[in-house]
Every structure is written in structure tokens, then in C-alpha cells.
C-alpha atoms as a PDB file:
ATOM      1  CA  MET A   1      19.108  51.249  20.233  1.00  0.00           C
ATOM      2  CA  ALA A   2      22.235  52.464  22.012  1.00  0.00           C
ATOM      3  CA  GLU A   3      25.355  53.550  20.158  1.00  0.00           C
ATOM      4  CA  GLU A   4      28.870  52.110  20.275  1.00  0.00           C
ATOM      5  CA  VAL A   5      30.885  53.190  23.334  1.00  0.00           C
ATOM      6  CA  THR A   6      34.673  53.375  23.738  1.00  0.00           C
ATOM      7  CA  GLU A   7      36.773  53.934  26.831  1.00  0.00           C
ATOM      8  CA  SER A   8      40.518  54.189  27.265  1.00  0.00           C
ATOM      9  CA  TYR A   9      41.834  52.183  30.234  1.00  0.00           C
ATOM     10  CA  LYS A  10      45.503  51.690  31.127  1.00  0.00           C
ATOM     11  CA  GLY A  11      46.601  52.522  27.580  1.00  0.00           C
ATOM     12  CA  GLN A  12      44.147  50.083  25.995  1.00  0.00           C
ATOM     13  CA  THR A  13      40.714  50.567  24.482  1.00  0.00           C
ATOM     14  CA  ILE A  14      37.469  48.960  25.555  1.00  0.00           C
ATOM     15  CA  LYS A  15      34.917  49.091  22.737  1.00  0.00           C
ATOM     16  CA  LEU A  16      31.296  48.215  23.461  1.00  0.00           C
ATOM     17  CA  THR A  17      28.854  47.375  20.701  1.00  0.00           C
ATOM     18  CA  PRO A  18      25.127  47.238  21.433  1.00  0.00           C
ATOM     19  CA  LYS A  19      23.466  43.861  20.893  1.00  0.00           C
ATOM     20  CA  ASP A  20      19.849  42.898  20.840  1.00  0.00           C
ATOM     21  CA  GLU A  21      20.208  39.546  22.584  1.00  0.00           C
ATOM     22  CA  LYS A  22      18.181  37.953  25.349  1.00  0.00           C
ATOM     23  CA  CYS A  23      21.231  37.186  27.483  1.00  0.00           C
ATOM     24  CA  SER A  24      23.234  40.374  26.980  1.00  0.00           C
ATOM     25  CA  GLN A  25      22.809  43.906  25.665  1.00  0.00           C
ATOM     26  CA  TRP A  26      26.513  44.611  24.986  1.00  0.00           C
ATOM     27  CA  ALA A  27      29.431  42.919  23.220  1.00  0.00           C
ATOM     28  CA  LEU A  28      32.947  43.998  24.085  1.00  0.00           C
ATOM     29  CA  THR A  29      36.205  44.171  22.169  1.00  0.00           C
ATOM     30  CA  LEU A  30      39.574  44.914  23.741  1.00  0.00           C
ATOM     31  CA  LEU A  31      42.261  46.656  21.692  1.00  0.00           C
ATOM     32  CA  ASP A  32      45.906  47.125  22.614  1.00  0.00           C
ATOM     33  CA  SER A  33      47.703  50.468  22.451  1.00  0.00           C
ATOM     34  CA  GLU A  34      48.357  49.977  18.717  1.00  0.00           C
ATOM     35  CA  GLY A  35      44.690  49.296  17.943  1.00  0.00           C
ATOM     36  CA  ASN A  36      45.043  45.529  17.533  1.00  0.00           C
ATOM     37  CA  GLU A  37      42.144  43.444  18.795  1.00  0.00           C
ATOM     38  CA  TRP A  38      43.224  40.928  21.429  1.00  0.00           C
ATOM     39  CA  GLN A  39      39.895  39.841  22.909  1.00  0.00           C
ATOM     40  CA  HIS A  40      36.236  39.781  21.889  1.00  0.00           C
ATOM     41  CA  VAL A  41      33.365  38.879  24.195  1.00  0.00           C
ATOM     42  CA  PRO A  42      30.022  38.606  22.392  1.00  0.00           C
ATOM     43  CA  MET A  43      27.959  38.691  25.602  1.00  0.00           C
ATOM     44  CA  ALA A  44      29.690  41.151  27.939  1.00  0.00           C
ATOM     45  CA  GLY A  45      26.827  42.527  30.028  1.00  0.00           C
ATOM     46  CA  ASP A  46      23.266  43.706  30.415  1.00  0.00           C
ATOM     47  CA  THR A  47      24.268  47.312  31.092  1.00  0.00           C
ATOM     48  CA  LYS A  48      26.951  49.571  29.672  1.00  0.00           C
ATOM     49  CA  GLU A  49      28.479  49.913  33.141  1.00  0.00           C
ATOM     50  CA  SER A  50      28.677  46.151  33.738  1.00  0.00           C
ATOM     51  CA  ALA A  51      30.226  45.559  30.306  1.00  0.00           C
ATOM     52  CA  LEU A  52      32.830  48.312  30.856  1.00  0.00           C
ATOM     53  CA  ASP A  53      33.622  46.837  34.273  1.00  0.00           C
ATOM     54  CA  ARG A  54      34.138  43.415  32.697  1.00  0.00           C
ATOM     55  CA  GLY A  55      36.538  44.953  30.166  1.00  0.00           C
ATOM     56  CA  ARG A  56      38.513  46.702  32.924  1.00  0.00           C
ATOM     57  CA  GLN A  57      38.735  43.448  34.885  1.00  0.00           C
ATOM     58  CA  MET A  58      39.998  41.589  31.820  1.00  0.00           C
ATOM     59  CA  ILE A  59      42.700  44.200  31.223  1.00  0.00           C
ATOM     60  CA  ASP A  60      43.725  44.072  34.904  1.00  0.00           C
ATOM     61  CA  HIS A  61      43.835  40.260  34.773  1.00  0.00           C
ATOM     62  CA  GLU A  62      45.966  40.265  31.614  1.00  0.00           C
ATOM     63  CA  GLU A  63      48.418  42.761  33.151  1.00  0.00           C
ATOM     64  CA  ALA A  64      48.687  40.647  36.321  1.00  0.00           C
ATOM     65  CA  ARG A  65      49.221  37.489  34.248  1.00  0.00           C
ATOM     66  CA  LYS A  66      52.054  39.111  32.292  1.00  0.00           C
ATOM     67  CA  GLY A  67      53.604  40.225  35.559  1.00  0.00           C
END
């Protein structure tokens, strides 16, 4: 099984946790710059790359929403 993955993006952290699910292989958690969790997605993607991309898109969307 894969190991947990983290990536820093625009001052926030995307944390991927491997899952053994039929619909998704990765869960994702987004953390703000202080390490506080602000979003969790239990089924984020089938591949590490797709799950990281989803996390980046969510951060971009949240920044655009806040203006």
C-alpha cells in the first residue's frame, strides 16, 4: 500500500492518505497555513496525481471565493 503524501500549495498543505476503496484510492485533507484542517474529502481520486490536482483546485476555488 502507498504511503501518506503531503504537498505545500499556496501556503496551505494538501495531505493525501491512501485508501483501499473501490471508488477511490486516496483521501485528501486540506490544512491552512497554521495547520488547521478546513476540508476533508474521503474519496479524492484514483491516482495520487488526480487527488493532488483536486486539492489544488479546491484551494484555488476557496481563494477565488474569498476574493
